[in-house]
Amino acid sequence: MTENKNNANQINIELPDEIAEGIYSNLAIITHSPSEFIVDFVKMMPGVPKAKVKSRIILTPQHAKRLYKALKDNIAKYESMHGEIKITEGEINFNLGMPPAQA
């Protein structure tokens, strides 16, 4: 009985090859409405004034908070193993006609 119950709670997740390669991003732009959070992952190149959104993820507020907690937990685990992650000073400041972005 216990084995069947555990199998019922499992989810099979498929990772297609083209997704498994990943997409490099060095900037995330986060905006939100009352019903969703939108995270645009951007790849910027040094000295190039134009950049493209490489991926957009749309989340419910509840899922965004779960993602925040999971990232916070994983960053703490990473830093306990590898030391503090240093963030360089200086923010990228630009306005795309949206509410202020946070990265």
PDB file of N, CA and C in Angstrom:
ATOM      1  N   MET A   1       0.824  -1.200   0.000  1.00  0.00           N
ATOM      2  CA  MET A   1       0.000   0.000   0.000  1.00  0.00           C
ATOM      3  C   MET A   1       0.862   1.255   0.000  1.00  0.00           C
ATOM      4  N   THR A   2       1.912   1.297   0.815  1.00  0.00           N
ATOM      5  CA  THR A   2       2.787   2.465   0.892  1.00  0.00           C
ATOM      6  C   THR A   2       3.490   2.716  -0.439  1.00  0.00           C
ATOM      7  N   GLU A   3       3.925   1.645  -1.107  1.00  0.00           N
ATOM      8  CA  GLU A   3       4.618   1.791  -2.386  1.00  0.00           C
ATOM      9  C   GLU A   3       3.703   2.414  -3.433  1.00  0.00           C
ATOM     10  N   ASN A   4       2.444   2.006  -3.489  1.00  0.00           N
ATOM     11  CA  ASN A   4       1.493   2.577  -4.441  1.00  0.00           C
ATOM     12  C   ASN A   4       1.225   4.047  -4.140  1.00  0.00           C
ATOM     13  N   LYS A   5       1.161   4.392  -2.859  1.00  0.00           N
ATOM     14  CA  LYS A   5       0.935   5.782  -2.475  1.00  0.00           C
ATOM     15  C   LYS A   5       2.111   6.653  -2.906  1.00  0.00           C
ATOM     16  N   ASN A   6       3.353   6.186  -2.726  1.00  0.00           N
ATOM     17  CA  ASN A   6       4.530   6.941  -3.143  1.00  0.00           C
ATOM     18  C   ASN A   6       4.568   7.110  -4.654  1.00  0.00           C
ATOM     19  N   ASN A   7       4.207   6.078  -5.420  1.00  0.00           N
ATOM     20  CA  ASN A   7       4.184   6.171  -6.878  1.00  0.00           C
ATOM     21  C   ASN A   7       3.147   7.178  -7.352  1.00  0.00           C
ATOM     22  N   ALA A   8       2.039   7.307  -6.628  1.00  0.00           N
ATOM     23  CA  ALA A   8       0.993   8.259  -7.003  1.00  0.00           C
ATOM     24  C   ALA A   8       1.476   9.698  -6.853  1.00  0.00           C
ATOM     25  N   ASN A   9       2.449   9.942  -5.978  1.00  0.00           N
ATOM     26  CA  ASN A   9       2.966  11.290  -5.742  1.00  0.00           C
ATOM     27  C   ASN A   9       4.123  11.650  -6.660  1.00  0.00           C
ATOM     28  N   GLN A  10       4.574  10.734  -7.506  1.00  0.00           N
ATOM     29  CA  GLN A  10       5.701  11.000  -8.388  1.00  0.00           C
ATOM     30  C   GLN A  10       5.211  11.621  -9.691  1.00  0.00           C
ATOM     31  N   ILE A  11       6.033  12.486 -10.240  1.00  0.00           N
ATOM     32  CA  ILE A  11       5.747  13.115 -11.525  1.00  0.00           C
ATOM     33  C   ILE A  11       6.900  12.774 -12.457  1.00  0.00           C
ATOM     34  N   ASN A  12       6.568  12.299 -13.633  1.00  0.00           N
ATOM     35  CA  ASN A  12       7.589  12.070 -14.651  1.00  0.00           C
ATOM     36  C   ASN A  12       7.788  13.365 -15.420  1.00  0.00           C
ATOM     37  N   ILE A  13       8.994  13.895 -15.368  1.00  0.00           N
ATOM     38  CA  ILE A  13       9.313  15.141 -16.056  1.00  0.00           C
ATOM     39  C   ILE A  13      10.249  14.828 -17.206  1.00  0.00           C
ATOM     40  N   GLU A  14       9.846  15.242 -18.401  1.00  0.00           N
ATOM     41  CA  GLU A  14      10.654  15.012 -19.589  1.00  0.00           C
ATOM     42  C   GLU A  14      11.467  16.268 -19.891  1.00  0.00           C
ATOM     43  N   LEU A  15      12.737  16.090 -20.207  1.00  0.00           N
ATOM     44  CA  LEU A  15      13.623  17.204 -20.546  1.00  0.00           C
ATOM     45  C   LEU A  15      14.134  17.002 -21.968  1.00  0.00           C
ATOM     46  N   PRO A  16      13.485  17.660 -22.945  1.00  0.00           N
ATOM     47  CA  PRO A  16      13.925  17.522 -24.331  1.00  0.00           C
ATOM     48  C   PRO A  16      15.348  18.039 -24.515  1.00  0.00           C
ATOM     49  N   ASP A  17      16.080  17.457 -25.476  1.00  0.00           N
ATOM     50  CA  ASP A  17      17.478  17.825 -25.709  1.00  0.00           C
ATOM     51  C   ASP A  17      17.668  19.325 -25.936  1.00  0.00           C
ATOM     52  N   GLU A  18      16.789  19.951 -26.727  1.00  0.00           N
ATOM     53  CA  GLU A  18      16.964  21.378 -27.027  1.00  0.00           C
ATOM     54  C   GLU A  18      16.762  22.256 -25.800  1.00  0.00           C
ATOM     55  N   ILE A  19      15.980  21.801 -24.841  1.00  0.00           N
ATOM     56  CA  ILE A  19      15.794  22.542 -23.593  1.00  0.00           C
ATOM     57  C   ILE A  19      16.946  22.248 -22.637  1.00  0.00           C
ATOM     58  N   ALA A  20      17.437  21.018 -22.640  1.00  0.00           N
ATOM     59  CA  ALA A  20      18.514  20.602 -21.741  1.00  0.00           C
ATOM     60  C   ALA A  20      19.786  21.401 -21.976  1.00  0.00           C
ATOM     61  N   GLU A  21      19.989  21.899 -23.182  1.00  0.00           N
ATOM     62  CA  GLU A  21      21.175  22.707 -23.483  1.00  0.00           C
ATOM     63  C   GLU A  21      21.185  24.008 -22.689  1.00  0.00           C
ATOM     64  N   GLY A  22      20.019  24.512 -22.351  1.00  0.00           N
ATOM     65  CA  GLY A  22      19.913  25.750 -21.594  1.00  0.00           C
ATOM     66  C   GLY A  22      20.094  26.984 -22.469  1.00  0.00           C
ATOM     67  N   ILE A  23      19.802  28.127 -21.886  1.00  0.00           N
ATOM     68  CA  ILE A  23      19.959  29.414 -22.555  1.00  0.00           C
ATOM     69  C   ILE A  23      20.739  30.314 -21.605  1.00  0.00           C
ATOM     70  N   TYR A  24      21.835  30.895 -22.083  1.00  0.00           N
ATOM     71  CA  TYR A  24      22.639  31.782 -21.246  1.00  0.00           C
ATOM     72  C   TYR A  24      21.915  33.114 -21.073  1.00  0.00           C
ATOM     73  N   SER A  25      21.911  33.612 -19.850  1.00  0.00           N
ATOM     74  CA  SER A  25      21.327  34.912 -19.541  1.00  0.00           C
ATOM     75  C   SER A  25      22.199  35.596 -18.503  1.00  0.00           C
ATOM     76  N   ASN A  26      22.442  36.897 -18.704  1.00  0.00           N
ATOM     77  CA  ASN A  26      23.189  37.652 -17.711  1.00  0.00           C
ATOM     78  C   ASN A  26      22.384  38.851 -17.184  1.00  0.00           C
ATOM     79  N   LEU A  27      21.082  38.821 -17.464  1.00  0.00           N
ATOM     80  CA  LEU A  27      20.184  39.856 -16.955  1.00  0.00           C
ATOM     81  C   LEU A  27      18.776  39.279 -16.882  1.00  0.00           C
ATOM     82  N   ALA A  28      18.097  39.527 -15.790  1.00  0.00           N
ATOM     83  CA  ALA A  28      16.690  39.147 -15.660  1.00  0.00           C
ATOM     84  C   ALA A  28      15.888  40.399 -15.362  1.00  0.00           C
ATOM     85  N   ILE A  29      14.815  40.582 -16.103  1.00  0.00           N
ATOM     86  CA  ILE A  29      13.917  41.714 -15.886  1.00  0.00           C
ATOM     87  C   ILE A  29      12.609  41.143 -15.351  1.00  0.00           C
ATOM     88  N   ILE A  30      12.196  41.619 -14.188  1.00  0.00           N
ATOM     89  CA  ILE A  30      11.005  41.080 -13.539  1.00  0.00           C
ATOM     90  C   ILE A  30       9.944  42.163 -13.458  1.00  0.00           C
ATOM     91  N   THR A  31       8.765  41.848 -13.976  1.00  0.00           N
ATOM     92  CA  THR A  31       7.613  42.743 -13.858  1.00  0.00           C
ATOM     93  C   THR A  31       6.452  41.913 -13.324  1.00  0.00           C
ATOM     94  N   HIS A  32       5.406  42.587 -12.876  1.00  0.00           N
ATOM     95  CA  HIS A  32       4.272  41.845 -12.338  1.00  0.00           C
ATOM     96  C   HIS A  32       2.981  42.620 -12.481  1.00  0.00           C
ATOM     97  N   SER A  33       1.907  41.878 -12.441  1.00  0.00           N
ATOM     98  CA  SER A  33       0.553  42.415 -12.392  1.00  0.00           C
ATOM     99  C   SER A  33      -0.107  41.774 -11.170  1.00  0.00           C
ATOM    100  N   PRO A  34      -1.354  42.090 -10.891  1.00  0.00           N
ATOM    101  CA  PRO A  34      -1.999  41.431  -9.750  1.00  0.00           C
ATOM    102  C   PRO A  34      -2.096  39.906  -9.901  1.00  0.00           C
ATOM    103  N   SER A  35      -2.055  39.396 -11.126  1.00  0.00           N
ATOM    104  CA  SER A  35      -2.279  37.965 -11.325  1.00  0.00           C
ATOM    105  C   SER A  35      -1.075  37.177 -11.793  1.00  0.00           C
ATOM    106  N   GLU A  36       0.048  37.856 -12.131  1.00  0.00           N
ATOM    107  CA  GLU A  36       1.199  37.107 -12.639  1.00  0.00           C
ATOM    108  C   GLU A  36       2.511  37.867 -12.480  1.00  0.00           C
ATOM    109  N   PHE A  37       3.593  37.099 -12.429  1.00  0.00           N
ATOM    110  CA  PHE A  37       4.945  37.620 -12.477  1.00  0.00           C
ATOM    111  C   PHE A  37       5.519  37.211 -13.817  1.00  0.00           C
ATOM    112  N   ILE A  38       6.212  38.133 -14.472  1.00  0.00           N
ATOM    113  CA  ILE A  38       6.850  37.850 -15.758  1.00  0.00           C
ATOM    114  C   ILE A  38       8.348  38.050 -15.576  1.00  0.00           C
ATOM    115  N   VAL A  39       9.119  37.018 -15.907  1.00  0.00           N
ATOM    116  CA  VAL A  39      10.569  37.082 -15.808  1.00  0.00           C
ATOM    117  C   VAL A  39      11.126  36.929 -17.219  1.00  0.00           C
ATOM    118  N   ASP A  40      11.753  37.989 -17.716  1.00  0.00           N
ATOM    119  CA  ASP A  40      12.411  37.952 -19.021  1.00  0.00           C
ATOM    120  C   ASP A  40      13.900  37.751 -18.790  1.00  0.00           C
ATOM    121  N   PHE A  41      14.452  36.715 -19.409  1.00  0.00           N
ATOM    122  CA  PHE A  41      15.878  36.432 -19.326  1.00  0.00           C
ATOM    123  C   PHE A  41      16.542  36.978 -20.582  1.00  0.00           C
ATOM    124  N   VAL A  42      17.536  37.854 -20.385  1.00  0.00           N
ATOM    125  CA  VAL A  42      18.168  38.598 -21.470  1.00  0.00           C
ATOM    126  C   VAL A  42      19.643  38.243 -21.537  1.00  0.00           C
ATOM    127  N   LYS A  43      20.172  38.249 -22.746  1.00  0.00           N
ATOM    128  CA  LYS A  43      21.613  38.080 -22.947  1.00  0.00           C
ATOM    129  C   LYS A  43      22.149  39.400 -23.474  1.00  0.00           C
ATOM    130  N   MET A  44      22.974  40.049 -22.663  1.00  0.00           N
ATOM    131  CA  MET A  44      23.597  41.319 -23.061  1.00  0.00           C
ATOM    132  C   MET A  44      25.058  41.069 -23.380  1.00  0.00           C
ATOM    133  N   MET A  45      25.550  41.740 -24.389  1.00  0.00           N
ATOM    134  CA  MET A  45      26.958  41.645 -24.755  1.00  0.00           C
ATOM    135  C   MET A  45      27.637  42.966 -24.417  1.00  0.00           C
ATOM    136  N   PRO A  46      28.862  42.927 -23.887  1.00  0.00           N
ATOM    137  CA  PRO A  46      29.570  44.166 -23.534  1.00  0.00           C
ATOM    138  C   PRO A  46      29.724  45.087 -24.745  1.00  0.00           C
ATOM    139  N   GLY A  47      29.413  46.347 -24.538  1.00  0.00           N
ATOM    140  CA  GLY A  47      29.600  47.346 -25.585  1.00  0.00           C
ATOM    141  C   GLY A  47      28.532  47.341 -26.665  1.00  0.00           C
ATOM    142  N   VAL A  48      27.550  46.473 -26.567  1.00  0.00           N
ATOM    143  CA  VAL A  48      26.476  46.421 -27.562  1.00  0.00           C
ATOM    144  C   VAL A  48      25.221  47.003 -26.924  1.00  0.00           C
ATOM    145  N   PRO A  49      24.685  48.094 -27.499  1.00  0.00           N
ATOM    146  CA  PRO A  49      23.557  48.772 -26.863  1.00  0.00           C
ATOM    147  C   PRO A  49      22.214  48.062 -27.037  1.00  0.00           C
ATOM    148  N   LYS A  50      22.190  46.953 -27.750  1.00  0.00           N
ATOM    149  CA  LYS A  50      20.948  46.227 -27.993  1.00  0.00           C
ATOM    150  C   LYS A  50      21.065  44.817 -27.435  1.00  0.00           C
ATOM    151  N   ALA A  51      19.984  44.334 -26.840  1.00  0.00           N
ATOM    152  CA  ALA A  51      19.974  42.978 -26.278  1.00  0.00           C
ATOM    153  C   ALA A  51      18.630  42.342 -26.585  1.00  0.00           C
ATOM    154  N   LYS A  52      18.614  41.015 -26.583  1.00  0.00           N
ATOM    155  CA  LYS A  52      17.380  40.284 -26.881  1.00  0.00           C
ATOM    156  C   LYS A  52      16.928  39.474 -25.675  1.00  0.00           C
ATOM    157  N   VAL A  53      15.612  39.423 -25.500  1.00  0.00           N
ATOM    158  CA  VAL A  53      15.044  38.501 -24.522  1.00  0.00           C
ATOM    159  C   VAL A  53      15.204  37.110 -25.104  1.00  0.00           C
ATOM    160  N   LYS A  54      15.841  36.234 -24.351  1.00  0.00           N
ATOM    161  CA  LYS A  54      16.080  34.865 -24.805  1.00  0.00           C
ATOM    162  C   LYS A  54      15.009  33.904 -24.320  1.00  0.00           C
ATOM    163  N   SER A  55      14.361  34.252 -23.213  1.00  0.00           N
ATOM    164  CA  SER A  55      13.313  33.386 -22.678  1.00  0.00           C
ATOM    165  C   SER A  55      12.418  34.220 -21.771  1.00  0.00           C
ATOM    166  N   ARG A  56      11.133  33.901 -21.771  1.00  0.00           N
ATOM    167  CA  ARG A  56      10.172  34.565 -20.881  1.00  0.00           C
ATOM    168  C   ARG A  56       9.438  33.488 -20.099  1.00  0.00           C
ATOM    169  N   ILE A  57       9.398  33.658 -18.784  1.00  0.00           N
ATOM    170  CA  ILE A  57       8.681  32.737 -17.913  1.00  0.00           C
ATOM    171  C   ILE A  57       7.574  33.534 -17.217  1.00  0.00           C
ATOM    172  N   ILE A  58       6.358  33.003 -17.264  1.00  0.00           N
ATOM    173  CA  ILE A  58       5.216  33.649 -16.625  1.00  0.00           C
ATOM    174  C   ILE A  58       4.753  32.747 -15.484  1.00  0.00           C
ATOM    175  N   LEU A  59       4.666  33.345 -14.274  1.00  0.00           N
ATOM    176  CA  LEU A  59       4.335  32.580 -13.073  1.00  0.00           C
ATOM    177  C   LEU A  59       3.162  33.210 -12.337  1.00  0.00           C
ATOM    178  N   THR A  60       2.425  32.384 -11.617  1.00  0.00           N
ATOM    179  CA  THR A  60       1.425  32.925 -10.695  1.00  0.00           C
ATOM    180  C   THR A  60       2.175  33.530  -9.507  1.00  0.00           C
ATOM    181  N   PRO A  61       1.564  34.450  -8.773  1.00  0.00           N
ATOM    182  CA  PRO A  61       2.248  34.994  -7.592  1.00  0.00           C
ATOM    183  C   PRO A  61       2.656  33.901  -6.592  1.00  0.00           C
ATOM    184  N   GLN A  62       1.826  32.892  -6.428  1.00  0.00           N
ATOM    185  CA  GLN A  62       2.146  31.815  -5.493  1.00  0.00           C
ATOM    186  C   GLN A  62       3.375  31.037  -5.970  1.00  0.00           C
ATOM    187  N   HIS A  63       3.431  30.745  -7.249  1.00  0.00           N
ATOM    188  CA  HIS A  63       4.580  30.005  -7.769  1.00  0.00           C
ATOM    189  C   HIS A  63       5.842  30.879  -7.736  1.00  0.00           C
ATOM    190  N   ALA A  64       5.695  32.177  -7.983  1.00  0.00           N
ATOM    191  CA  ALA A  64       6.842  33.089  -7.903  1.00  0.00           C
ATOM    192  C   ALA A  64       7.421  33.079  -6.487  1.00  0.00           C
ATOM    193  N   LYS A  65       6.553  33.052  -5.486  1.00  0.00           N
ATOM    194  CA  LYS A  65       7.038  33.022  -4.103  1.00  0.00           C
ATOM    195  C   LYS A  65       7.719  31.698  -3.791  1.00  0.00           C
ATOM    196  N   ARG A  66       7.175  30.581  -4.298  1.00  0.00           N
ATOM    197  CA  ARG A  66       7.835  29.292  -4.107  1.00  0.00           C
ATOM    198  C   ARG A  66       9.198  29.281  -4.781  1.00  0.00           C
ATOM    199  N   LEU A  67       9.306  29.877  -5.975  1.00  0.00           N
ATOM    200  CA  LEU A  67      10.589  29.970  -6.670  1.00  0.00           C
ATOM    201  C   LEU A  67      11.569  30.824  -5.868  1.00  0.00           C
ATOM    202  N   TYR A  68      11.102  31.944  -5.339  1.00  0.00           N
ATOM    203  CA  TYR A  68      11.934  32.811  -4.502  1.00  0.00           C
ATOM    204  C   TYR A  68      12.500  32.037  -3.313  1.00  0.00           C
ATOM    205  N   LYS A  69      11.631  31.286  -2.622  1.00  0.00           N
ATOM    206  CA  LYS A  69      12.083  30.518  -1.457  1.00  0.00           C
ATOM    207  C   LYS A  69      13.080  29.442  -1.860  1.00  0.00           C
ATOM    208  N   ALA A  70      12.841  28.781  -2.995  1.00  0.00           N
ATOM    209  CA  ALA A  70      13.758  27.736  -3.467  1.00  0.00           C
ATOM    210  C   ALA A  70      15.104  28.341  -3.856  1.00  0.00           C
ATOM    211  N   LEU A  71      15.106  29.496  -4.522  1.00  0.00           N
ATOM    212  CA  LEU A  71      16.361  30.164  -4.879  1.00  0.00           C
ATOM    213  C   LEU A  71      17.115  30.597  -3.625  1.00  0.00           C
ATOM    214  N   LYS A  72      16.398  31.180  -2.674  1.00  0.00           N
ATOM    215  CA  LYS A  72      17.021  31.626  -1.429  1.00  0.00           C
ATOM    216  C   LYS A  72      17.688  30.449  -0.716  1.00  0.00           C
ATOM    217  N   ASP A  73      16.994  29.325  -0.636  1.00  0.00           N
ATOM    218  CA  ASP A  73      17.525  28.130   0.011  1.00  0.00           C
ATOM    219  C   ASP A  73      18.751  27.602  -0.739  1.00  0.00           C
ATOM    220  N   ASN A  74      18.670  27.551  -2.054  1.00  0.00           N
ATOM    221  CA  ASN A  74      19.789  27.032  -2.845  1.00  0.00           C
ATOM    222  C   ASN A  74      20.993  27.960  -2.828  1.00  0.00           C
ATOM    223  N   ILE A  75      20.773  29.264  -2.801  1.00  0.00           N
ATOM    224  CA  ILE A  75      21.888  30.209  -2.701  1.00  0.00           C
ATOM    225  C   ILE A  75      22.585  30.041  -1.353  1.00  0.00           C
ATOM    226  N   ALA A  76      21.808  29.875  -0.288  1.00  0.00           N
ATOM    227  CA  ALA A  76      22.406  29.655   1.045  1.00  0.00           C
ATOM    228  C   ALA A  76      23.247  28.383   1.051  1.00  0.00           C
ATOM    229  N   LYS A  77      22.742  27.310   0.443  1.00  0.00           N
ATOM    230  CA  LYS A  77      23.502  26.057   0.374  1.00  0.00           C
ATOM    231  C   LYS A  77      24.774  26.240  -0.452  1.00  0.00           C
ATOM    232  N   TYR A  78      24.667  26.935  -1.581  1.00  0.00           N
ATOM    233  CA  TYR A  78      25.828  27.188  -2.440  1.00  0.00           C
ATOM    234  C   TYR A  78      26.885  27.964  -1.666  1.00  0.00           C
ATOM    235  N   GLU A  79      26.465  29.050  -0.992  1.00  0.00           N
ATOM    236  CA  GLU A  79      27.416  29.895  -0.278  1.00  0.00           C
ATOM    237  C   GLU A  79      28.043  29.164   0.907  1.00  0.00           C
ATOM    238  N   SER A  80      27.326  28.247   1.524  1.00  0.00           N
ATOM    239  CA  SER A  80      27.921  27.493   2.627  1.00  0.00           C
ATOM    240  C   SER A  80      29.019  26.553   2.112  1.00  0.00           C
ATOM    241  N   MET A  81      28.919  26.138   0.872  1.00  0.00           N
ATOM    242  CA  MET A  81      29.931  25.251   0.286  1.00  0.00           C
ATOM    243  C   MET A  81      31.065  26.016  -0.404  1.00  0.00           C
ATOM    244  N   HIS A  82      30.738  27.137  -1.056  1.00  0.00           N
ATOM    245  CA  HIS A  82      31.701  27.821  -1.929  1.00  0.00           C
ATOM    246  C   HIS A  82      32.044  29.240  -1.496  1.00  0.00           C
ATOM    247  N   GLY A  83      31.426  29.729  -0.446  1.00  0.00           N
ATOM    248  CA  GLY A  83      31.666  31.097  -0.004  1.00  0.00           C
ATOM    249  C   GLY A  83      30.636  32.061  -0.581  1.00  0.00           C
ATOM    250  N   GLU A  84      30.662  33.255  -0.038  1.00  0.00           N
ATOM    251  CA  GLU A  84      29.683  34.269  -0.427  1.00  0.00           C
ATOM    252  C   GLU A  84      29.806  34.620  -1.907  1.00  0.00           C
ATOM    253  N   ILE A  85      28.670  34.755  -2.549  1.00  0.00           N
ATOM    254  CA  ILE A  85      28.629  35.215  -3.941  1.00  0.00           C
ATOM    255  C   ILE A  85      28.756  36.732  -3.906  1.00  0.00           C
ATOM    256  N   LYS A  86      29.773  37.250  -4.557  1.00  0.00           N
ATOM    257  CA  LYS A  86      29.992  38.694  -4.592  1.00  0.00           C
ATOM    258  C   LYS A  86      29.199  39.304  -5.742  1.00  0.00           C
ATOM    259  N   ILE A  87      28.526  40.391  -5.450  1.00  0.00           N
ATOM    260  CA  ILE A  87      27.781  41.122  -6.467  1.00  0.00           C
ATOM    261  C   ILE A  87      28.525  42.415  -6.734  1.00  0.00           C
ATOM    262  N   THR A  88      28.878  42.647  -7.995  1.00  0.00           N
ATOM    263  CA  THR A  88      29.605  43.868  -8.343  1.00  0.00           C
ATOM    264  C   THR A  88      28.676  45.069  -8.235  1.00  0.00           C
ATOM    265  N   GLU A  89      29.263  46.171  -7.831  1.00  0.00           N
ATOM    266  CA  GLU A  89      28.482  47.393  -7.683  1.00  0.00           C
ATOM    267  C   GLU A  89      28.097  47.938  -9.054  1.00  0.00           C
ATOM    268  N   GLY A  90      26.997  48.659  -9.075  1.00  0.00           N
ATOM    269  CA  GLY A  90      26.521  49.253 -10.317  1.00  0.00           C
ATOM    270  C   GLY A  90      25.328  48.489 -10.841  1.00  0.00           C
ATOM    271  N   GLU A  91      24.270  49.203 -11.067  1.00  0.00           N
ATOM    272  CA  GLU A  91      23.056  48.576 -11.576  1.00  0.00           C
ATOM    273  C   GLU A  91      22.841  48.993 -13.015  1.00  0.00           C
ATOM    274  N   ILE A  92      22.197  48.137 -13.749  1.00  0.00           N
ATOM    275  CA  ILE A  92      21.793  48.481 -15.101  1.00  0.00           C
ATOM    276  C   ILE A  92      20.481  49.233 -14.961  1.00  0.00           C
ATOM    277  N   ASN A  93      20.444  50.448 -15.445  1.00  0.00           N
ATOM    278  CA  ASN A  93      19.274  51.281 -15.286  1.00  0.00           C
ATOM    279  C   ASN A  93      18.706  51.656 -16.647  1.00  0.00           C
ATOM    280  N   PHE A  94      17.540  51.161 -16.948  1.00  0.00           N
ATOM    281  CA  PHE A  94      16.866  51.546 -18.172  1.00  0.00           C
ATOM    282  C   PHE A  94      15.382  51.380 -17.979  1.00  0.00           C
ATOM    283  N   ASN A  95      14.596  52.081 -18.772  1.00  0.00           N
ATOM    284  CA  ASN A  95      13.144  52.066 -18.642  1.00  0.00           C
ATOM    285  C   ASN A  95      12.552  51.559 -19.931  1.00  0.00           C
ATOM    286  N   LEU A  96      11.755  50.491 -19.853  1.00  0.00           N
ATOM    287  CA  LEU A  96      11.090  49.939 -21.032  1.00  0.00           C
ATOM    288  C   LEU A  96       9.607  50.257 -21.012  1.00  0.00           C
ATOM    289  N   GLY A  97       9.246  51.317 -20.309  1.00  0.00           N
ATOM    290  CA  GLY A  97       7.835  51.656 -20.209  1.00  0.00           C
ATOM    291  C   GLY A  97       7.080  50.729 -19.260  1.00  0.00           C
ATOM    292  N   MET A  98       7.815  50.038 -18.405  1.00  0.00           N
ATOM    293  CA  MET A  98       7.214  49.109 -17.449  1.00  0.00           C
ATOM    294  C   MET A  98       7.557  49.582 -16.043  1.00  0.00           C
ATOM    295  N   PRO A  99       6.905  48.983 -15.045  1.00  0.00           N
ATOM    296  CA  PRO A  99       7.287  49.304 -13.664  1.00  0.00           C
ATOM    297  C   PRO A  99       8.769  49.009 -13.455  1.00  0.00           C
ATOM    298  N   PRO A 100       9.388  49.625 -12.464  1.00  0.00           N
ATOM    299  CA  PRO A 100      10.823  49.401 -12.227  1.00  0.00           C
ATOM    300  C   PRO A 100      11.154  47.915 -12.157  1.00  0.00           C
ATOM    301  N   ALA A 101      12.234  47.534 -12.822  1.00  0.00           N
ATOM    302  CA  ALA A 101      12.646  46.134 -12.871  1.00  0.00           C
ATOM    303  C   ALA A 101      13.607  45.829 -11.741  1.00  0.00           C
ATOM    304  N   GLN A 102      13.619  44.570 -11.351  1.00  0.00           N
ATOM    305  CA  GLN A 102      14.558  44.096 -10.344  1.00  0.00           C
ATOM    306  C   GLN A 102      15.263  42.900 -10.920  1.00  0.00           C
ATOM    307  N   ALA A 103      16.563  42.838 -10.727  1.00  0.00           N
ATOM    308  CA  ALA A 103      17.310  41.677 -11.232  1.00  0.00           C
ATOM    309  C   ALA A 103      18.019  40.995 -10.101  1.00  0.00           C
TER     310      ALA A 103
END
